């Protein structure tokens, strides 16, 4: 039989062996120790579609899929075998706390919303969400001159001079009497 590379014996200092076992158990449980230390930053983990009650309150029966997608966003899951059901999942673990999960399922019939099931319930009173977007009126552009014409106009070069020059060069001289011939 082969001999082990090293032997664990308790013949030496028993207190050092107990301290080594206690240290290994403490290091093995670092995750529980680190989550309870003050001042240690833990990352907020959010996954899925963020769904809140305001979004659910905007849903109305007989909305088409496009309108629902505008309000809710693309669904997290679309069942391949049941295309008439959209599932939205949201999972959040904020600040190292326990994980919270929200789920909502939307049911359609012929592209019309017929049902909502899950952790949120739609309100009875219609909710109108005001848009936070602003509308800006853009003045009409002056399209009499191109940008190139405006830049060359700053340097005193006028394109009308160039047009007259090309008009003169485009005219061919009329055929005159050939050499050695006299006009009649």
Protein backbone atom coordinates (compact mmCIF):
# COMPACT_ATOMS: atom_id res chain seq x y z
CA UNK A 1 0.00 0.00 0.00
CA UNK A 2 1.20 3.48 -0.84
CA UNK A 3 2.04 6.05 1.73
CA UNK A 4 0.10 9.37 1.73
CA UNK A 5 2.00 12.52 0.83
CA UNK A 6 1.29 14.08 4.19
CA UNK A 7 -0.42 12.84 7.25
CA UNK A 8 -2.90 14.74 9.35
CA UNK A 9 -1.93 14.16 12.89
CA UNK A 10 -3.19 15.77 16.03
CA UNK A 11 0.04 15.03 17.91
CA UNK A 12 1.25 18.62 17.61
CA UNK A 13 -0.42 21.67 19.03
CA UNK A 14 -4.12 20.92 19.31
CA UNK A 15 -5.00 24.57 19.60
CA UNK A 16 -3.43 25.37 16.25
CA UNK A 17 -5.39 22.52 14.63
CA UNK A 18 -8.65 23.80 16.12
CA UNK A 19 -7.78 27.34 14.97
CA UNK A 20 -7.10 26.06 11.44
CA UNK A 21 -10.47 24.27 11.31
CA UNK A 22 -12.27 27.34 12.66
CA UNK A 23 -10.53 29.58 10.11
CA UNK A 24 -11.46 27.28 7.24
CA UNK A 25 -15.10 27.21 8.35
CA UNK A 26 -15.09 30.99 8.65
CA UNK A 27 -13.59 31.43 5.18
CA UNK A 28 -16.09 28.98 3.72
CA UNK A 29 -18.92 31.17 4.96
CA UNK A 30 -17.54 34.44 3.59
CA UNK A 31 -20.70 35.20 1.65
CA UNK A 32 -22.79 35.39 4.81
CA UNK A 33 -20.13 37.39 6.61
CA UNK A 34 -19.59 39.86 3.75
CA UNK A 35 -23.29 40.57 3.33
CA UNK A 36 -23.56 41.59 6.96
CA UNK A 37 -20.50 43.86 7.09
CA UNK A 38 -21.31 47.56 7.24
CA UNK A 39 -20.11 49.68 4.31
CA UNK A 40 -19.78 46.80 1.84
CA UNK A 41 -21.43 47.63 -1.49
CA UNK A 42 -23.62 44.98 -3.07
CA UNK A 43 -24.76 45.20 -6.67
CA UNK A 44 -28.46 45.61 -7.46
CA UNK A 45 -29.50 42.82 -9.83
CA UNK A 46 -32.53 43.46 -12.04
CA UNK A 47 -33.59 41.04 -14.75
CA UNK A 48 -36.47 40.90 -17.21
CA UNK A 49 -39.08 43.46 -18.18
CA UNK A 50 -39.63 46.24 -15.67
CA UNK A 51 -43.39 46.21 -15.13
CA UNK A 52 -45.22 48.57 -12.79
CA UNK A 53 -48.82 49.26 -11.90
CA UNK A 54 -48.96 52.38 -14.12
CA UNK A 55 -48.27 50.25 -17.19
CA UNK A 56 -50.96 47.74 -16.26
CA UNK A 57 -53.48 50.53 -15.63
CA UNK A 58 -53.13 51.67 -19.26
CA UNK A 59 -54.18 48.29 -20.64
CA UNK A 60 -57.76 48.01 -21.87
CA UNK A 61 -59.74 45.08 -23.29
CA UNK A 62 -59.73 44.78 -27.09
CA UNK A 63 -56.36 46.52 -27.50
CA UNK A 64 -54.37 44.97 -30.33
CA UNK A 65 -50.93 43.42 -29.84
CA UNK A 66 -49.15 46.44 -31.26
CA UNK A 67 -50.79 48.80 -28.76
CA UNK A 68 -49.98 46.45 -25.88
CA UNK A 69 -46.38 46.17 -27.01
CA UNK A 70 -46.12 49.98 -27.14
CA UNK A 71 -47.21 50.20 -23.50
CA UNK A 72 -45.51 47.11 -22.05
CA UNK A 73 -42.55 46.55 -24.34
CA UNK A 74 -41.58 43.25 -25.92
CA UNK A 75 -42.61 40.24 -23.85
CA UNK A 76 -39.97 38.21 -22.07
CA UNK A 77 -41.56 34.94 -23.15
CA UNK A 78 -43.80 34.02 -26.06
CA UNK A 79 -44.94 30.42 -25.92
CA UNK A 80 -44.17 28.72 -29.22
CA UNK A 81 -47.20 26.47 -28.91
CA UNK A 82 -49.55 29.23 -27.69
CA UNK A 83 -48.88 32.46 -29.59
CA UNK A 84 -51.88 34.10 -27.91
CA UNK A 85 -50.13 34.37 -24.52
CA UNK A 86 -47.39 36.84 -23.61
CA UNK A 87 -45.45 36.51 -20.35
CA UNK A 88 -43.61 39.36 -18.66
CA UNK A 89 -41.19 38.45 -15.86
CA UNK A 90 -39.31 40.83 -13.59
CA UNK A 91 -36.83 39.84 -10.93
CA UNK A 92 -35.00 42.25 -8.62
CA UNK A 93 -32.51 41.77 -5.82
CA UNK A 94 -31.76 45.22 -4.46
CA UNK A 95 -28.93 45.82 -2.02
CA UNK A 96 -28.33 42.18 -1.20
CA UNK A 97 -31.88 41.72 0.09
CA UNK A 98 -34.01 38.73 -0.79
CA UNK A 99 -35.04 38.43 -4.43
CA UNK A 100 -38.45 39.74 -5.47
CA UNK A 101 -40.14 38.39 -8.57
CA UNK A 102 -43.16 39.77 -10.43
CA UNK A 103 -45.00 38.01 -13.23
CA UNK A 104 -47.85 38.94 -15.51
CA UNK A 105 -49.44 37.06 -18.40
CA UNK A 106 -51.47 38.70 -21.15
CA UNK A 107 -53.96 36.69 -23.20
CA UNK A 108 -55.07 37.54 -26.74
CA UNK A 109 -57.81 36.33 -29.03
CA UNK A 110 -57.52 37.24 -32.73
CA UNK A 111 -54.95 39.97 -31.98
CA UNK A 112 -57.19 41.53 -29.27
CA UNK A 113 -56.33 41.65 -25.54
CA UNK A 114 -58.87 39.58 -23.62
CA UNK A 115 -57.23 38.87 -20.25
CA UNK A 116 -54.58 39.78 -17.71
CA UNK A 117 -53.31 37.40 -15.05
CA UNK A 118 -50.50 37.71 -12.53
CA UNK A 119 -49.19 39.84 -9.69
CA UNK A 120 -50.78 43.07 -11.02
CA UNK A 121 -54.46 43.80 -11.51
CA UNK A 122 -55.71 46.49 -13.92
CA UNK A 123 -57.64 49.41 -12.48
CA UNK A 124 -61.33 49.90 -13.13
CA UNK A 125 -60.97 53.63 -13.82
CA UNK A 126 -59.34 54.48 -17.18
CA UNK A 127 -55.93 56.07 -16.75
CA UNK A 128 -54.65 58.61 -19.24
CA UNK A 129 -50.91 58.96 -19.12
CA UNK A 130 -49.62 62.39 -20.03
CA UNK A 131 -46.59 62.46 -22.24
CA UNK A 132 -43.38 63.97 -20.92
CA UNK A 133 -42.28 64.79 -24.46
CA UNK A 134 -42.28 68.32 -25.80
CA UNK A 135 -43.04 69.44 -29.33
CA UNK A 136 -40.72 71.92 -30.99
CA UNK A 137 -41.74 73.94 -34.05
CA UNK A 138 -38.82 74.16 -36.44
CA UNK A 139 -38.83 77.29 -38.62
CA UNK A 140 -38.95 76.83 -42.37
CA UNK A 141 -35.54 76.81 -44.06
CA UNK A 142 -34.59 79.44 -46.56
CA UNK A 143 -33.88 77.36 -49.64
CA UNK A 144 -33.21 80.21 -52.08
CA UNK A 145 -29.46 79.58 -51.96
CA UNK A 146 -27.49 76.44 -51.30
CA UNK A 147 -24.85 76.28 -48.60
CA UNK A 148 -22.10 76.54 -51.23
CA UNK A 149 -23.66 79.68 -52.69
CA UNK A 150 -23.87 81.28 -49.24
CA UNK A 151 -20.21 80.46 -48.45
CA UNK A 152 -18.90 81.73 -51.77
CA UNK A 153 -21.07 84.84 -51.38
CA UNK A 154 -19.14 85.68 -48.20
CA UNK A 155 -15.91 85.91 -50.21
CA UNK A 156 -17.40 88.09 -52.93
CA UNK A 157 -17.62 85.34 -55.50
CA UNK A 158 -21.00 85.41 -57.15
CA UNK A 159 -22.15 82.39 -59.10
CA UNK A 160 -24.07 84.65 -61.51
CA UNK A 161 -20.72 85.85 -62.92
CA UNK A 162 -19.77 82.24 -63.55
CA UNK A 163 -23.09 81.57 -65.32
CA UNK A 164 -22.53 84.49 -67.73
CA UNK A 165 -19.03 83.22 -68.48
CA UNK A 166 -20.29 79.75 -69.28
CA UNK A 167 -23.05 81.21 -71.46
CA UNK A 168 -20.45 83.01 -73.59
CA UNK A 169 -18.17 80.01 -73.85
CA UNK A 170 -21.06 77.75 -74.85
CA UNK A 171 -21.78 79.89 -77.93
CA UNK A 172 -19.82 78.68 -80.92
CA UNK A 173 -18.69 81.23 -83.46
CA UNK A 174 -20.74 81.25 -86.61
CA UNK A 175 -18.93 79.85 -89.62
CA UNK A 176 -17.44 82.73 -91.53
CA UNK A 177 -15.95 82.81 -94.92
CA UNK A 178 -13.26 80.26 -95.49
CA UNK A 179 -9.80 81.48 -96.33
CA UNK A 180 -9.38 82.43 -99.90
CA UNK A 181 -13.06 82.94 -100.50
CA UNK A 182 -14.71 86.25 -100.84
CA UNK A 183 -18.13 86.91 -99.55
CA UNK A 184 -20.75 87.33 -102.19
